[in-house]
Amino acid sequence: MLKPLDDWGTFRAGSRAAAVVALLYERGGELWVPFVQRRPDLPDHPGQVALPGGTVKPGEEAWPAAAREVEEEIGVHVSDLEPIGAGAPVYTAVTNFCVVPFVARLRAPQAIFNHDPGELVGILEVPLGRLLDPGGWTAGQQEWMGELFEWQGSTIWGLTGRILADLLPRFRQALAAAAA
């Protein structure tokens, strides 16, 4: 299951703290997850598809940082986020980020996203059911790439793929518990 918002763990010592949000929303009776498509000229993770989120500022708690980043990147107001819990922190040596992923639900009945063109090329919306389908994931050509997920001409891989590898089984458990 997911961990509580205030008891998810700690960031790796000496790493750059970051937080992201897997935001669930309903469209057409199905749950979806938005991803950001990062600009290719950014210094960290250029051009990659990622969950909305970013750096946790000094003195800032992880969940408020993640919620702030969602508002800045995709235009969803913090008050429209219903936090559910957190996954395990994931560390990437390439950029020295330690990222805690949070899961939240969109309170608003209709998802309307507006991306920040200063950071993003756009937003990629993916049905949760497709992400949960193991057949939708393939092994990368190089082992370091991990599992890849292709959707509408974009690829989810790397750090975001590793985060999802941890979160998706937790989603399955949460959805099963909610259905019971």
N, C-alpha and C. Protein backbone atom coordinates (compact mmCIF):
# COMPACT_ATOMS: atom_id res chain seq x y z
N MET A 1 0.84 -1.19 0.00
CA MET A 1 0.00 0.00 0.00
C MET A 1 0.88 1.25 0.00
N LEU A 2 0.24 2.37 -0.21
CA LEU A 2 0.96 3.64 -0.20
C LEU A 2 1.28 4.07 1.22
N LYS A 3 2.31 4.85 1.36
CA LYS A 3 2.72 5.37 2.67
C LYS A 3 2.00 6.68 2.95
N PRO A 4 1.89 7.07 4.22
CA PRO A 4 1.27 8.37 4.55
C PRO A 4 2.09 9.55 4.01
N LEU A 5 1.42 10.65 3.77
CA LEU A 5 2.08 11.84 3.23
C LEU A 5 3.22 12.34 4.11
N ASP A 6 3.06 12.23 5.41
CA ASP A 6 4.05 12.77 6.33
C ASP A 6 4.98 11.70 6.90
N ASP A 7 4.90 10.47 6.39
CA ASP A 7 5.76 9.39 6.89
C ASP A 7 6.20 8.50 5.73
N TRP A 8 6.65 9.11 4.65
CA TRP A 8 7.05 8.37 3.46
C TRP A 8 8.50 7.93 3.51
N GLY A 9 9.31 8.51 4.39
CA GLY A 9 10.73 8.16 4.45
C GLY A 9 11.58 9.41 4.44
N THR A 10 12.79 9.31 3.91
CA THR A 10 13.69 10.46 3.83
C THR A 10 14.39 10.47 2.48
N PHE A 11 14.91 11.64 2.15
CA PHE A 11 15.71 11.76 0.93
C PHE A 11 17.11 11.20 1.20
N ARG A 12 17.73 10.69 0.19
CA ARG A 12 19.10 10.18 0.30
C ARG A 12 20.03 11.33 0.70
N ALA A 13 20.90 11.10 1.66
CA ALA A 13 21.82 12.13 2.13
C ALA A 13 22.70 12.62 0.97
N GLY A 14 22.80 13.94 0.84
CA GLY A 14 23.63 14.54 -0.20
C GLY A 14 22.99 14.63 -1.56
N SER A 15 21.77 14.13 -1.70
CA SER A 15 21.10 14.17 -3.00
C SER A 15 20.30 15.45 -3.16
N ARG A 16 19.82 15.68 -4.37
CA ARG A 16 18.93 16.79 -4.67
C ARG A 16 17.50 16.29 -4.45
N ALA A 17 16.80 16.89 -3.50
CA ALA A 17 15.44 16.44 -3.15
C ALA A 17 14.42 16.90 -4.19
N ALA A 18 13.54 15.98 -4.57
CA ALA A 18 12.48 16.30 -5.52
C ALA A 18 11.23 15.48 -5.17
N ALA A 19 10.10 15.96 -5.66
CA ALA A 19 8.83 15.27 -5.44
C ALA A 19 7.97 15.38 -6.70
N VAL A 20 7.28 14.31 -7.02
CA VAL A 20 6.40 14.27 -8.19
C VAL A 20 5.03 13.76 -7.77
N VAL A 21 4.06 13.93 -8.66
CA VAL A 21 2.70 13.47 -8.37
C VAL A 21 2.16 12.64 -9.53
N ALA A 22 1.70 11.44 -9.21
CA ALA A 22 0.91 10.65 -10.13
C ALA A 22 -0.53 11.06 -9.84
N LEU A 23 -1.08 11.89 -10.71
CA LEU A 23 -2.40 12.48 -10.51
C LEU A 23 -3.44 11.66 -11.26
N LEU A 24 -4.39 11.11 -10.52
CA LEU A 24 -5.45 10.32 -11.11
C LEU A 24 -6.68 11.19 -11.32
N TYR A 25 -7.27 11.07 -12.48
CA TYR A 25 -8.53 11.78 -12.75
C TYR A 25 -9.38 10.92 -13.66
N GLU A 26 -10.67 11.18 -13.63
CA GLU A 26 -11.60 10.38 -14.40
C GLU A 26 -12.01 11.10 -15.67
N ARG A 27 -12.06 10.33 -16.74
CA ARG A 27 -12.56 10.84 -18.02
C ARG A 27 -13.24 9.67 -18.72
N GLY A 28 -14.49 9.85 -19.05
CA GLY A 28 -15.22 8.80 -19.75
C GLY A 28 -15.31 7.50 -18.96
N GLY A 29 -15.43 7.60 -17.64
CA GLY A 29 -15.56 6.42 -16.80
C GLY A 29 -14.25 5.66 -16.60
N GLU A 30 -13.13 6.25 -17.00
CA GLU A 30 -11.83 5.60 -16.90
C GLU A 30 -10.86 6.53 -16.18
N LEU A 31 -9.94 5.96 -15.39
CA LEU A 31 -8.91 6.76 -14.73
C LEU A 31 -7.75 7.03 -15.69
N TRP A 32 -7.23 8.26 -15.62
CA TRP A 32 -6.12 8.70 -16.46
C TRP A 32 -5.03 9.30 -15.59
N VAL A 33 -3.83 9.42 -16.15
CA VAL A 33 -2.68 10.03 -15.47
C VAL A 33 -2.02 11.00 -16.44
N PRO A 34 -1.81 12.27 -16.02
CA PRO A 34 -1.09 13.20 -16.90
C PRO A 34 0.42 13.11 -16.66
N PHE A 35 1.16 13.23 -17.74
CA PHE A 35 2.62 13.30 -17.70
C PHE A 35 3.04 14.59 -18.39
N VAL A 36 4.16 15.13 -17.98
CA VAL A 36 4.68 16.33 -18.63
C VAL A 36 5.73 15.91 -19.65
N GLN A 37 5.77 16.65 -20.74
CA GLN A 37 6.79 16.44 -21.77
C GLN A 37 7.77 17.60 -21.64
N ARG A 38 8.95 17.28 -21.09
CA ARG A 38 9.95 18.30 -20.78
C ARG A 38 10.60 18.85 -22.05
N ARG A 39 10.94 20.13 -21.99
CA ARG A 39 11.62 20.77 -23.12
C ARG A 39 12.99 20.13 -23.33
N PRO A 40 13.42 20.04 -24.59
CA PRO A 40 14.72 19.42 -24.88
C PRO A 40 15.93 20.25 -24.46
N ASP A 41 15.72 21.52 -24.12
CA ASP A 41 16.85 22.39 -23.76
C ASP A 41 17.02 22.55 -22.25
N LEU A 42 16.32 21.74 -21.44
CA LEU A 42 16.45 21.83 -19.99
C LEU A 42 17.71 21.10 -19.52
N PRO A 43 18.32 21.56 -18.42
CA PRO A 43 19.56 20.93 -17.95
C PRO A 43 19.35 19.54 -17.34
N ASP A 44 18.22 19.28 -16.72
CA ASP A 44 17.95 17.99 -16.09
C ASP A 44 16.83 17.25 -16.82
N HIS A 45 17.10 16.02 -17.18
CA HIS A 45 16.13 15.16 -17.87
C HIS A 45 15.51 15.85 -19.09
N PRO A 46 16.35 16.42 -19.98
CA PRO A 46 15.83 17.14 -21.15
C PRO A 46 15.02 16.23 -22.07
N GLY A 47 13.88 16.74 -22.52
CA GLY A 47 13.06 16.04 -23.49
C GLY A 47 12.33 14.81 -22.98
N GLN A 48 12.47 14.49 -21.72
CA GLN A 48 11.84 13.28 -21.22
C GLN A 48 10.38 13.50 -20.84
N VAL A 49 9.66 12.39 -20.81
CA VAL A 49 8.29 12.38 -20.31
C VAL A 49 8.38 12.03 -18.83
N ALA A 50 7.73 12.84 -17.99
CA ALA A 50 7.84 12.66 -16.54
C ALA A 50 6.52 12.93 -15.87
N LEU A 51 6.42 12.53 -14.62
CA LEU A 51 5.29 12.94 -13.80
C LEU A 51 5.50 14.39 -13.41
N PRO A 52 4.43 15.18 -13.27
CA PRO A 52 4.61 16.57 -12.85
C PRO A 52 5.26 16.64 -11.48
N GLY A 53 6.20 17.54 -11.32
CA GLY A 53 6.89 17.69 -10.05
C GLY A 53 8.19 18.42 -10.23
N GLY A 54 8.99 18.46 -9.18
CA GLY A 54 10.26 19.15 -9.26
C GLY A 54 10.96 19.22 -7.92
N THR A 55 11.86 20.16 -7.82
CA THR A 55 12.72 20.31 -6.66
C THR A 55 11.96 20.72 -5.40
N VAL A 56 12.35 20.10 -4.30
CA VAL A 56 11.84 20.49 -2.99
C VAL A 56 12.79 21.56 -2.46
N LYS A 57 12.27 22.75 -2.24
CA LYS A 57 13.09 23.87 -1.79
C LYS A 57 13.50 23.70 -0.32
N PRO A 58 14.63 24.30 0.07
CA PRO A 58 15.05 24.22 1.49
C PRO A 58 13.93 24.71 2.41
N GLY A 59 13.65 23.94 3.46
CA GLY A 59 12.61 24.29 4.42
C GLY A 59 11.21 23.88 4.00
N GLU A 60 11.05 23.36 2.80
CA GLU A 60 9.75 22.96 2.27
C GLU A 60 9.56 21.46 2.50
N GLU A 61 8.34 21.06 2.84
CA GLU A 61 8.01 19.65 2.97
C GLU A 61 7.75 19.07 1.58
N ALA A 62 7.89 17.77 1.45
CA ALA A 62 7.81 17.13 0.14
C ALA A 62 6.42 17.23 -0.51
N TRP A 63 5.34 16.92 0.23
CA TRP A 63 4.01 16.99 -0.40
C TRP A 63 3.66 18.40 -0.84
N PRO A 64 3.82 19.43 -0.01
CA PRO A 64 3.52 20.79 -0.50
C PRO A 64 4.37 21.18 -1.72
N ALA A 65 5.62 20.71 -1.76
CA ALA A 65 6.47 20.99 -2.93
C ALA A 65 5.90 20.32 -4.17
N ALA A 66 5.50 19.06 -4.04
CA ALA A 66 4.92 18.34 -5.18
C ALA A 66 3.64 19.02 -5.67
N ALA A 67 2.78 19.40 -4.73
CA ALA A 67 1.52 20.07 -5.10
C ALA A 67 1.79 21.41 -5.77
N ARG A 68 2.76 22.16 -5.25
CA ARG A 68 3.15 23.45 -5.85
C ARG A 68 3.62 23.24 -7.29
N GLU A 69 4.44 22.23 -7.49
CA GLU A 69 4.97 21.94 -8.83
C GLU A 69 3.85 21.54 -9.80
N VAL A 70 2.87 20.79 -9.33
CA VAL A 70 1.74 20.42 -10.19
C VAL A 70 1.03 21.69 -10.66
N GLU A 71 0.81 22.61 -9.74
CA GLU A 71 0.15 23.87 -10.12
C GLU A 71 1.00 24.65 -11.11
N GLU A 72 2.30 24.74 -10.86
CA GLU A 72 3.20 25.49 -11.75
C GLU A 72 3.31 24.85 -13.13
N GLU A 73 3.42 23.53 -13.18
CA GLU A 73 3.68 22.85 -14.44
C GLU A 73 2.44 22.59 -15.29
N ILE A 74 1.34 22.15 -14.65
CA ILE A 74 0.17 21.77 -15.46
C ILE A 74 -1.09 22.56 -15.12
N GLY A 75 -0.98 23.54 -14.23
CA GLY A 75 -2.09 24.45 -13.99
C GLY A 75 -3.21 23.93 -13.12
N VAL A 76 -2.99 22.86 -12.37
CA VAL A 76 -4.01 22.34 -11.46
C VAL A 76 -3.80 22.98 -10.10
N HIS A 77 -4.79 23.72 -9.63
CA HIS A 77 -4.67 24.42 -8.35
C HIS A 77 -4.50 23.41 -7.21
N VAL A 78 -3.67 23.77 -6.25
CA VAL A 78 -3.38 22.91 -5.10
C VAL A 78 -4.66 22.43 -4.42
N SER A 79 -5.66 23.30 -4.31
CA SER A 79 -6.91 22.94 -3.63
C SER A 79 -7.71 21.88 -4.40
N ASP A 80 -7.37 21.65 -5.67
CA ASP A 80 -8.05 20.63 -6.47
C ASP A 80 -7.39 19.26 -6.35
N LEU A 81 -6.31 19.17 -5.55
CA LEU A 81 -5.61 17.91 -5.36
C LEU A 81 -6.06 17.24 -4.06
N GLU A 82 -6.43 15.98 -4.16
CA GLU A 82 -6.76 15.19 -2.98
C GLU A 82 -5.65 14.15 -2.79
N PRO A 83 -4.71 14.40 -1.88
CA PRO A 83 -3.59 13.48 -1.73
C PRO A 83 -4.04 12.12 -1.18
N ILE A 84 -3.44 11.06 -1.72
CA ILE A 84 -3.79 9.70 -1.31
C ILE A 84 -2.67 9.06 -0.50
N GLY A 85 -1.43 9.24 -0.94
CA GLY A 85 -0.30 8.64 -0.24
C GLY A 85 0.97 8.79 -1.05
N ALA A 86 2.02 8.11 -0.60
CA ALA A 86 3.34 8.22 -1.22
C ALA A 86 3.92 6.85 -1.52
N GLY A 87 4.74 6.82 -2.54
CA GLY A 87 5.52 5.63 -2.86
C GLY A 87 6.90 5.75 -2.24
N ALA A 88 7.74 4.79 -2.53
CA ALA A 88 9.11 4.80 -2.01
C ALA A 88 9.96 5.79 -2.79
N PRO A 89 10.85 6.51 -2.11
CA PRO A 89 11.76 7.43 -2.81
C PRO A 89 12.64 6.65 -3.79
N VAL A 90 12.93 7.28 -4.93
CA VAL A 90 13.77 6.67 -5.97
C VAL A 90 14.96 7.59 -6.21
N TYR A 91 16.16 7.00 -6.24
CA TYR A 91 17.38 7.77 -6.45
C TYR A 91 17.92 7.53 -7.85
N THR A 92 18.39 8.59 -8.49
CA THR A 92 19.06 8.46 -9.78
C THR A 92 20.44 9.10 -9.68
N ALA A 93 21.46 8.29 -9.88
CA ALA A 93 22.84 8.77 -9.75
C ALA A 93 23.21 9.74 -10.86
N VAL A 94 22.61 9.61 -12.03
CA VAL A 94 22.96 10.44 -13.18
C VAL A 94 22.82 11.92 -12.85
N THR A 95 21.73 12.30 -12.19
CA THR A 95 21.49 13.71 -11.85
C THR A 95 21.52 13.96 -10.35
N ASN A 96 21.75 12.91 -9.56
CA ASN A 96 21.80 12.99 -8.10
C ASN A 96 20.48 13.46 -7.50
N PHE A 97 19.37 13.13 -8.14
CA PHE A 97 18.06 13.44 -7.57
C PHE A 97 17.56 12.24 -6.77
N CYS A 98 16.93 12.52 -5.66
CA CYS A 98 16.17 11.53 -4.91
C CYS A 98 14.73 12.04 -4.94
N VAL A 99 13.85 11.25 -5.52
CA VAL A 99 12.49 11.69 -5.81
C VAL A 99 11.48 10.87 -5.02
N VAL A 100 10.60 11.56 -4.29
CA VAL A 100 9.50 10.87 -3.64
C VAL A 100 8.26 11.07 -4.51
N PRO A 101 7.63 9.96 -4.92
CA PRO A 101 6.41 10.07 -5.72
C PRO A 101 5.16 10.05 -4.83
N PHE A 102 4.29 10.99 -5.07
CA PHE A 102 3.00 11.02 -4.37
C PHE A 102 1.90 10.64 -5.35
N VAL A 103 0.81 10.15 -4.80
CA VAL A 103 -0.38 9.83 -5.59
C VAL A 103 -1.49 10.73 -5.08
N ALA A 104 -2.20 11.35 -6.01
CA ALA A 104 -3.32 12.22 -5.65
C ALA A 104 -4.42 12.02 -6.66
N ARG A 105 -5.60 12.43 -6.26
CA ARG A 105 -6.77 12.40 -7.13
C ARG A 105 -7.18 13.83 -7.41
N LEU A 106 -7.64 14.08 -8.61
CA LEU A 106 -8.14 15.40 -8.99
C LEU A 106 -9.57 15.53 -8.49
N ARG A 107 -9.82 16.54 -7.67
CA ARG A 107 -11.16 16.76 -7.12
C ARG A 107 -12.13 17.31 -8.15
N ALA A 108 -11.64 18.11 -9.08
CA ALA A 108 -12.50 18.73 -10.09
C ALA A 108 -13.05 17.64 -11.02
N PRO A 109 -14.32 17.80 -11.43
CA PRO A 109 -14.92 16.76 -12.28
C PRO A 109 -14.30 16.68 -13.68
N GLN A 110 -13.79 17.76 -14.19
CA GLN A 110 -13.18 17.75 -15.52
C GLN A 110 -11.73 18.20 -15.43
N ALA A 111 -10.84 17.42 -16.00
CA ALA A 111 -9.43 17.76 -16.01
C ALA A 111 -9.14 18.77 -17.10
N ILE A 112 -8.65 19.92 -16.71
CA ILE A 112 -8.22 20.94 -17.66
C ILE A 112 -6.79 21.29 -17.31
N PHE A 113 -5.88 20.97 -18.21
CA PHE A 113 -4.47 21.20 -17.95
C PHE A 113 -3.94 22.33 -18.84
N ASN A 114 -3.08 23.13 -18.25
CA ASN A 114 -2.39 24.19 -18.99
C ASN A 114 -0.91 24.07 -18.63
N HIS A 115 -0.10 23.68 -19.61
CA HIS A 115 1.31 23.46 -19.32
C HIS A 115 2.11 24.76 -19.33
N ASP A 116 3.20 24.74 -18.58
CA ASP A 116 4.13 25.87 -18.50
C ASP A 116 5.10 25.77 -19.68
N PRO A 117 4.97 26.65 -20.70
CA PRO A 117 5.85 26.56 -21.87
C PRO A 117 7.31 26.86 -21.56
N GLY A 118 7.59 27.46 -20.40
CA GLY A 118 8.98 27.70 -20.02
C GLY A 118 9.71 26.42 -19.67
N GLU A 119 8.97 25.39 -19.26
CA GLU A 119 9.57 24.11 -18.87
C GLU A 119 9.14 22.94 -19.75
N LEU A 120 7.95 23.08 -20.34
CA LEU A 120 7.34 21.91 -20.98
C LEU A 120 6.98 22.15 -22.44
N VAL A 121 7.02 21.07 -23.20
CA VAL A 121 6.54 21.08 -24.57
C VAL A 121 5.03 20.83 -24.58
N GLY A 122 4.57 20.01 -23.63
CA GLY A 122 3.15 19.70 -23.55
C GLY A 122 2.85 18.71 -22.45
N ILE A 123 1.62 18.20 -22.49
CA ILE A 123 1.14 17.24 -21.50
C ILE A 123 0.68 16.00 -22.25
N LEU A 124 1.06 14.84 -21.74
CA LEU A 124 0.67 13.57 -22.30
C LEU A 124 -0.28 12.90 -21.31
N GLU A 125 -1.49 12.60 -21.75
CA GLU A 125 -2.48 11.97 -20.88
C GLU A 125 -2.58 10.49 -21.26
N VAL A 126 -2.43 9.62 -20.24
CA VAL A 126 -2.40 8.18 -20.48
C VAL A 126 -3.45 7.50 -19.60
N PRO A 127 -4.26 6.60 -20.18
CA PRO A 127 -5.21 5.85 -19.35
C PRO A 127 -4.47 4.95 -18.36
N LEU A 128 -4.90 4.98 -17.11
CA LEU A 128 -4.26 4.15 -16.09
C LEU A 128 -4.32 2.68 -16.46
N GLY A 129 -5.42 2.24 -17.05
CA GLY A 129 -5.56 0.85 -17.45
C GLY A 129 -4.46 0.41 -18.40
N ARG A 130 -4.03 1.30 -19.29
CA ARG A 130 -2.94 0.97 -20.22
C ARG A 130 -1.62 0.87 -19.47
N LEU A 131 -1.40 1.77 -18.51
CA LEU A 131 -0.17 1.71 -17.71
C LEU A 131 -0.12 0.44 -16.87
N LEU A 132 -1.27 -0.02 -16.40
CA LEU A 132 -1.33 -1.23 -15.57
C LEU A 132 -1.18 -2.52 -16.36
N ASP A 133 -1.32 -2.45 -17.68
CA ASP A 133 -1.21 -3.63 -18.54
C ASP A 133 0.26 -3.97 -18.75
N PRO A 134 0.73 -5.08 -18.19
CA PRO A 134 2.14 -5.45 -18.36
C PRO A 134 2.55 -5.58 -19.83
N GLY A 135 1.60 -5.91 -20.70
CA GLY A 135 1.88 -6.05 -22.12
C GLY A 135 2.20 -4.73 -22.80
N GLY A 136 1.90 -3.62 -22.14
CA GLY A 136 2.19 -2.30 -22.70
C GLY A 136 3.62 -1.85 -22.47
N TRP A 137 4.36 -2.59 -21.66
CA TRP A 137 5.74 -2.25 -21.32
C TRP A 137 6.70 -3.18 -22.04
N THR A 138 7.79 -2.63 -22.57
CA THR A 138 8.81 -3.44 -23.25
C THR A 138 10.18 -3.11 -22.67
N ALA A 139 11.09 -4.05 -22.80
CA ALA A 139 12.46 -3.83 -22.32
C ALA A 139 13.17 -2.86 -23.26
N GLY A 140 13.92 -1.94 -22.67
CA GLY A 140 14.70 -0.99 -23.47
C GLY A 140 15.82 -1.70 -24.21
N GLN A 141 16.33 -1.08 -25.28
CA GLN A 141 17.39 -1.68 -26.07
C GLN A 141 18.67 -1.86 -25.25
N GLN A 142 18.89 -0.96 -24.30
CA GLN A 142 20.02 -1.05 -23.39
C GLN A 142 19.46 -1.36 -22.00
N GLU A 143 20.14 -2.16 -21.21
CA GLU A 143 19.65 -2.55 -19.89
C GLU A 143 19.40 -1.33 -19.00
N TRP A 144 20.26 -0.32 -19.09
CA TRP A 144 20.14 0.86 -18.25
C TRP A 144 18.86 1.65 -18.53
N MET A 145 18.22 1.41 -19.67
CA MET A 145 16.99 2.13 -20.00
C MET A 145 15.80 1.63 -19.21
N GLY A 146 15.87 0.38 -18.74
CA GLY A 146 14.76 -0.19 -18.00
C GLY A 146 13.59 -0.50 -18.93
N GLU A 147 12.41 -0.53 -18.35
CA GLU A 147 11.19 -0.81 -19.10
C GLU A 147 10.69 0.47 -19.77
N LEU A 148 10.16 0.33 -20.98
CA LEU A 148 9.67 1.47 -21.75
C LEU A 148 8.16 1.33 -21.98
N PHE A 149 7.48 2.47 -21.99
CA PHE A 149 6.06 2.49 -22.31
C PHE A 149 5.85 3.53 -23.40
N GLU A 150 5.32 3.11 -24.53
CA GLU A 150 5.07 4.00 -25.67
C GLU A 150 3.61 4.43 -25.67
N TRP A 151 3.39 5.74 -25.88
CA TRP A 151 2.02 6.25 -25.97
C TRP A 151 2.01 7.49 -26.85
N GLN A 152 1.23 7.44 -27.89
CA GLN A 152 1.03 8.57 -28.79
C GLN A 152 2.35 9.21 -29.23
N GLY A 153 3.30 8.37 -29.62
CA GLY A 153 4.57 8.85 -30.13
C GLY A 153 5.57 9.28 -29.07
N SER A 154 5.24 9.14 -27.81
CA SER A 154 6.15 9.49 -26.72
C SER A 154 6.52 8.23 -25.93
N THR A 155 7.67 8.29 -25.27
CA THR A 155 8.16 7.15 -24.51
C THR A 155 8.37 7.53 -23.06
N ILE A 156 7.82 6.73 -22.16
CA ILE A 156 8.06 6.85 -20.73
C ILE A 156 9.13 5.83 -20.39
N TRP A 157 10.21 6.29 -19.77
CA TRP A 157 11.33 5.40 -19.44
C TRP A 157 12.18 6.04 -18.34
N GLY A 158 13.31 5.45 -18.04
CA GLY A 158 14.25 6.03 -17.10
C GLY A 158 13.68 6.17 -15.70
N LEU A 159 13.94 7.31 -15.10
CA LEU A 159 13.49 7.57 -13.73
C LEU A 159 11.98 7.44 -13.60
N THR A 160 11.23 7.98 -14.54
CA THR A 160 9.77 7.88 -14.47
C THR A 160 9.32 6.43 -14.60
N GLY A 161 9.96 5.67 -15.45
CA GLY A 161 9.66 4.24 -15.56
C GLY A 161 9.93 3.51 -14.26
N ARG A 162 11.03 3.86 -13.59
CA ARG A 162 11.36 3.23 -12.30
C ARG A 162 10.34 3.60 -11.23
N ILE A 163 9.91 4.85 -11.22
CA ILE A 163 8.88 5.28 -10.26
C ILE A 163 7.59 4.50 -10.50
N LEU A 164 7.21 4.39 -11.76
CA LEU A 164 5.96 3.67 -12.08
C LEU A 164 6.07 2.18 -11.77
N ALA A 165 7.26 1.61 -11.92
CA ALA A 165 7.44 0.19 -11.59
C ALA A 165 7.11 -0.07 -10.12
N ASP A 166 7.35 0.93 -9.28
CA ASP A 166 7.00 0.81 -7.86
C ASP A 166 5.54 1.17 -7.60
N LEU A 167 5.04 2.22 -8.26
CA LEU A 167 3.68 2.70 -7.99
C LEU A 167 2.58 1.83 -8.58
N LEU A 168 2.79 1.31 -9.77
CA LEU A 168 1.69 0.59 -10.43
C LEU A 168 1.18 -0.61 -9.63
N PRO A 169 2.04 -1.43 -9.02
CA PRO A 169 1.50 -2.49 -8.17
C PRO A 169 0.70 -1.93 -6.99
N ARG A 170 1.11 -0.80 -6.48
CA ARG A 170 0.38 -0.16 -5.38
C ARG A 170 -0.99 0.34 -5.87
N PHE A 171 -1.04 0.84 -7.12
CA PHE A 171 -2.32 1.25 -7.70
C PHE A 171 -3.26 0.07 -7.79
N ARG A 172 -2.73 -1.07 -8.25
CA ARG A 172 -3.56 -2.27 -8.36
C ARG A 172 -4.17 -2.63 -7.00
N GLN A 173 -3.33 -2.59 -5.95
CA GLN A 173 -3.82 -2.89 -4.61
C GLN A 173 -4.88 -1.89 -4.17
N ALA A 174 -4.63 -0.60 -4.39
CA ALA A 174 -5.56 0.43 -3.97
C ALA A 174 -6.88 0.33 -4.71
N LEU A 175 -6.81 0.05 -6.01
CA LEU A 175 -8.05 -0.09 -6.79
C LEU A 175 -8.83 -1.31 -6.36
N ALA A 176 -8.13 -2.40 -6.04
CA ALA A 176 -8.79 -3.60 -5.56
C ALA A 176 -9.46 -3.34 -4.21
N ALA A 177 -8.77 -2.62 -3.33
CA ALA A 177 -9.34 -2.30 -2.01
C ALA A 177 -10.54 -1.38 -2.14
N ALA A 178 -10.48 -0.43 -3.07
CA ALA A 178 -11.59 0.51 -3.27
C ALA A 178 -12.82 -0.19 -3.84
N ALA A 179 -12.57 -1.21 -4.66
CA ALA A 179 -13.68 -1.96 -5.28
C ALA A 179 -14.34 -2.92 -4.29
N ALA A 180 -13.61 -3.28 -3.24
CA ALA A 180 -14.14 -4.26 -2.28
C ALA A 180 -15.17 -3.65 -1.34
